[in-house]
C-alpha atoms as a PDB file:
ATOM      1  CA  MET A   1     -39.528  14.024 -50.350  1.00  0.00           C
ATOM      2  CA  ILE A   2     -42.282  12.491 -52.462  1.00  0.00           C
ATOM      3  CA  PHE A   3     -43.743   9.292 -51.054  1.00  0.00           C
ATOM      4  CA  CYS A   4     -46.706   7.433 -52.617  1.00  0.00           C
ATOM      5  CA  GLY A   5     -47.370  10.536 -54.712  1.00  0.00           C
ATOM      6  CA  VAL A   6     -47.618  12.820 -51.651  1.00  0.00           C
ATOM      7  CA  GLU A   7     -44.998  15.310 -50.470  1.00  0.00           C
ATOM      8  CA  ILE A   8     -43.803  14.671 -46.892  1.00  0.00           C
ATOM      9  CA  ASP A   9     -41.066  16.058 -44.668  1.00  0.00           C
ATOM     10  CA  ASP A  10     -38.122  13.676 -44.680  1.00  0.00           C
ATOM     11  CA  PRO A  11     -37.954  12.275 -41.112  1.00  0.00           C
ATOM     12  CA  ARG A  12     -34.236  11.583 -41.624  1.00  0.00           C
ATOM     13  CA  GLU A  13     -33.522  15.316 -41.973  1.00  0.00           C
ATOM     14  CA  LEU A  14     -35.989  16.744 -39.456  1.00  0.00           C
ATOM     15  CA  PRO A  15     -36.045  15.027 -36.076  1.00  0.00           C
ATOM     16  CA  VAL A  16     -39.310  13.300 -35.183  1.00  0.00           C
ATOM     17  CA  SER A  17     -40.379  13.584 -31.552  1.00  0.00           C
ATOM     18  CA  GLU A  18     -40.833  10.498 -29.427  1.00  0.00           C
ATOM     19  CA  ARG A  19     -44.584  11.095 -29.223  1.00  0.00           C
ATOM     20  CA  ASP A  20     -44.782  10.639 -33.016  1.00  0.00           C
ATOM     21  CA  TYR A  21     -43.456   7.062 -32.783  1.00  0.00           C
ATOM     22  CA  ARG A  22     -45.038   4.091 -31.041  1.00  0.00           C
ATOM     23  CA  GLU A  23     -45.052   0.312 -30.991  1.00  0.00           C
ATOM     24  CA  PHE A  24     -48.110  -1.713 -30.068  1.00  0.00           C
ATOM     25  CA  ASN A  25     -49.586  -5.184 -30.388  1.00  0.00           C
ATOM     26  CA  GLU A  26     -52.511  -5.806 -32.686  1.00  0.00           C
ATOM     27  CA  GLY A  27     -53.790  -9.175 -31.628  1.00  0.00           C
ATOM     28  CA  VAL A  28     -51.639 -11.900 -30.164  1.00  0.00           C
ATOM     29  CA  ARG A  29     -48.953 -12.286 -32.848  1.00  0.00           C
ATOM     30  CA  THR A  30     -48.887  -8.990 -34.710  1.00  0.00           C
ATOM     31  CA  LYS A  31     -46.624  -6.151 -33.588  1.00  0.00           C
ATOM     32  CA  VAL A  32     -47.107  -2.747 -35.234  1.00  0.00           C
ATOM     33  CA  ARG A  33     -44.616   0.121 -35.438  1.00  0.00           C
ATOM     34  CA  GLU A  34     -46.093   3.510 -36.303  1.00  0.00           C
ATOM     35  CA  LEU A  35     -44.382   6.776 -37.275  1.00  0.00           C
ATOM     36  CA  TRP A  36     -46.316  10.000 -37.895  1.00  0.00           C
ATOM     37  CA  VAL A  37     -44.912  12.327 -40.576  1.00  0.00           C
ATOM     38  CA  TYR A  38     -45.964  15.726 -41.926  1.00  0.00           C
ATOM     39  CA  SER A  39     -47.716  15.664 -45.285  1.00  0.00           C
ATOM     40  CA  TYR A  40     -48.383  18.648 -47.534  1.00  0.00           C
ATOM     41  CA  LYS A  41     -51.531  18.879 -49.620  1.00  0.00           C
ATOM     42  CA  SER A  42     -52.926  21.642 -51.779  1.00  0.00           C
ATOM     43  CA  ASP A  43     -55.890  22.725 -53.833  1.00  0.00           C
ATOM     44  CA  SER A  44     -56.479  25.801 -55.984  1.00  0.00           C
ATOM     45  CA  LYS A  45     -56.764  28.148 -52.981  1.00  0.00           C
ATOM     46  CA  ARG A  46     -54.514  26.838 -50.230  1.00  0.00           C
ATOM     47  CA  VAL A  47     -51.690  24.598 -49.085  1.00  0.00           C
ATOM     48  CA  TRP A  48     -51.949  22.811 -45.758  1.00  0.00           C
ATOM     49  CA  CYS A  49     -49.934  20.482 -43.599  1.00  0.00           C
ATOM     50  CA  GLU A  50     -51.265  17.445 -41.771  1.00  0.00           C
ATOM     51  CA  LYS A  51     -49.801  14.511 -39.902  1.00  0.00           C
ATOM     52  CA  VAL A  52     -50.248  11.068 -41.431  1.00  0.00           C
ATOM     53  CA  PRO A  53     -49.133   7.682 -40.094  1.00  0.00           C
ATOM     54  CA  LEU A  54     -46.667   5.271 -41.664  1.00  0.00           C
ATOM     55  CA  THR A  55     -47.117   1.793 -40.188  1.00  0.00           C
ATOM     56  CA  MET A  56     -45.250  -1.478 -40.548  1.00  0.00           C
ATOM     57  CA  THR A  57     -46.129  -4.829 -38.986  1.00  0.00           C
ATOM     58  CA  ASN A  58     -43.808  -7.679 -38.158  1.00  0.00           C
ATOM     59  CA  ARG A  59     -45.562  -9.573 -40.980  1.00  0.00           C
ATOM     60  CA  GLY A  60     -44.396  -7.067 -43.599  1.00  0.00           C
ATOM     61  CA  VAL A  61     -47.656  -5.176 -44.155  1.00  0.00           C
ATOM     62  CA  CYS A  62     -47.087  -1.428 -44.587  1.00  0.00           C
ATOM     63  CA  THR A  63     -49.627   1.384 -44.714  1.00  0.00           C
ATOM     64  CA  PHE A  64     -49.480   5.090 -45.521  1.00  0.00           C
ATOM     65  CA  ASP A  65     -52.346   7.257 -44.287  1.00  0.00           C
ATOM     66  CA  GLY A  66     -54.459   4.158 -43.650  1.00  0.00           C
ATOM     67  CA  ARG A  67     -54.011   2.660 -47.144  1.00  0.00           C
ATOM     68  CA  GLN A  68     -51.943  -0.455 -47.746  1.00  0.00           C
ATOM     69  CA  VAL A  69     -48.740   0.125 -49.711  1.00  0.00           C
ATOM     70  CA  LYS A  70     -48.163  -2.364 -52.549  1.00  0.00           C
ATOM     71  CA  ASP A  71     -45.047  -0.905 -54.211  1.00  0.00           C
ATOM     72  CA  GLU A  72     -41.901  -2.689 -52.990  1.00  0.00           C
ATOM     73  CA  ALA A  73     -39.760   0.471 -53.180  1.00  0.00           C
ATOM     74  CA  ASP A  74     -42.242   2.336 -50.974  1.00  0.00           C
ATOM     75  CA  LYS A  75     -42.335  -0.588 -48.517  1.00  0.00           C
ATOM     76  CA  LYS A  76     -38.542  -0.491 -48.301  1.00  0.00           C
ATOM     77  CA  MET A  77     -38.668   3.265 -47.695  1.00  0.00           C
ATOM     78  CA  ILE A  78     -41.163   2.808 -44.829  1.00  0.00           C
ATOM     79  CA  ALA A  79     -38.942   0.136 -43.288  1.00  0.00           C
ATOM     80  CA  ASP A  80     -35.867   2.381 -43.606  1.00  0.00           C
ATOM     81  CA  LEU A  81     -37.654   5.386 -42.070  1.00  0.00           C
ATOM     82  CA  ILE A  82     -39.093   3.418 -39.144  1.00  0.00           C
ATOM     83  CA  ASN A  83     -35.885   1.476 -38.476  1.00  0.00           C
ATOM     84  CA  GLY A  84     -33.848   4.681 -38.745  1.00  0.00           C
ATOM     85  CA  HIS A  85     -36.046   6.398 -36.180  1.00  0.00           C
ATOM     86  CA  LYS A  86     -35.916   3.470 -33.778  1.00  0.00           C
ATOM     87  CA  ARG A  87     -32.097   3.633 -33.596  1.00  0.00           C
ATOM     88  CA  GLN A  88     -32.077   7.321 -32.530  1.00  0.00           C
END
């Protein structure tokens, strides 16, 4: 699947291990949920795979690989992926 212009493995199709998901508090009132997914990148000589985090706070702020996501469709996708993993 393509997400924020980067190809990632769809966590809905491939199971994500429990160690790739966590919840933690950032400050007193902010709760963060984090899901690590596999991302594929390439240049002229190689293709490589790396893990990148998707995060979502209880205040609605979402990030992908450390950068804040502004697109509403991408924010909804992060929420769906994280909420879908939590139910498993």
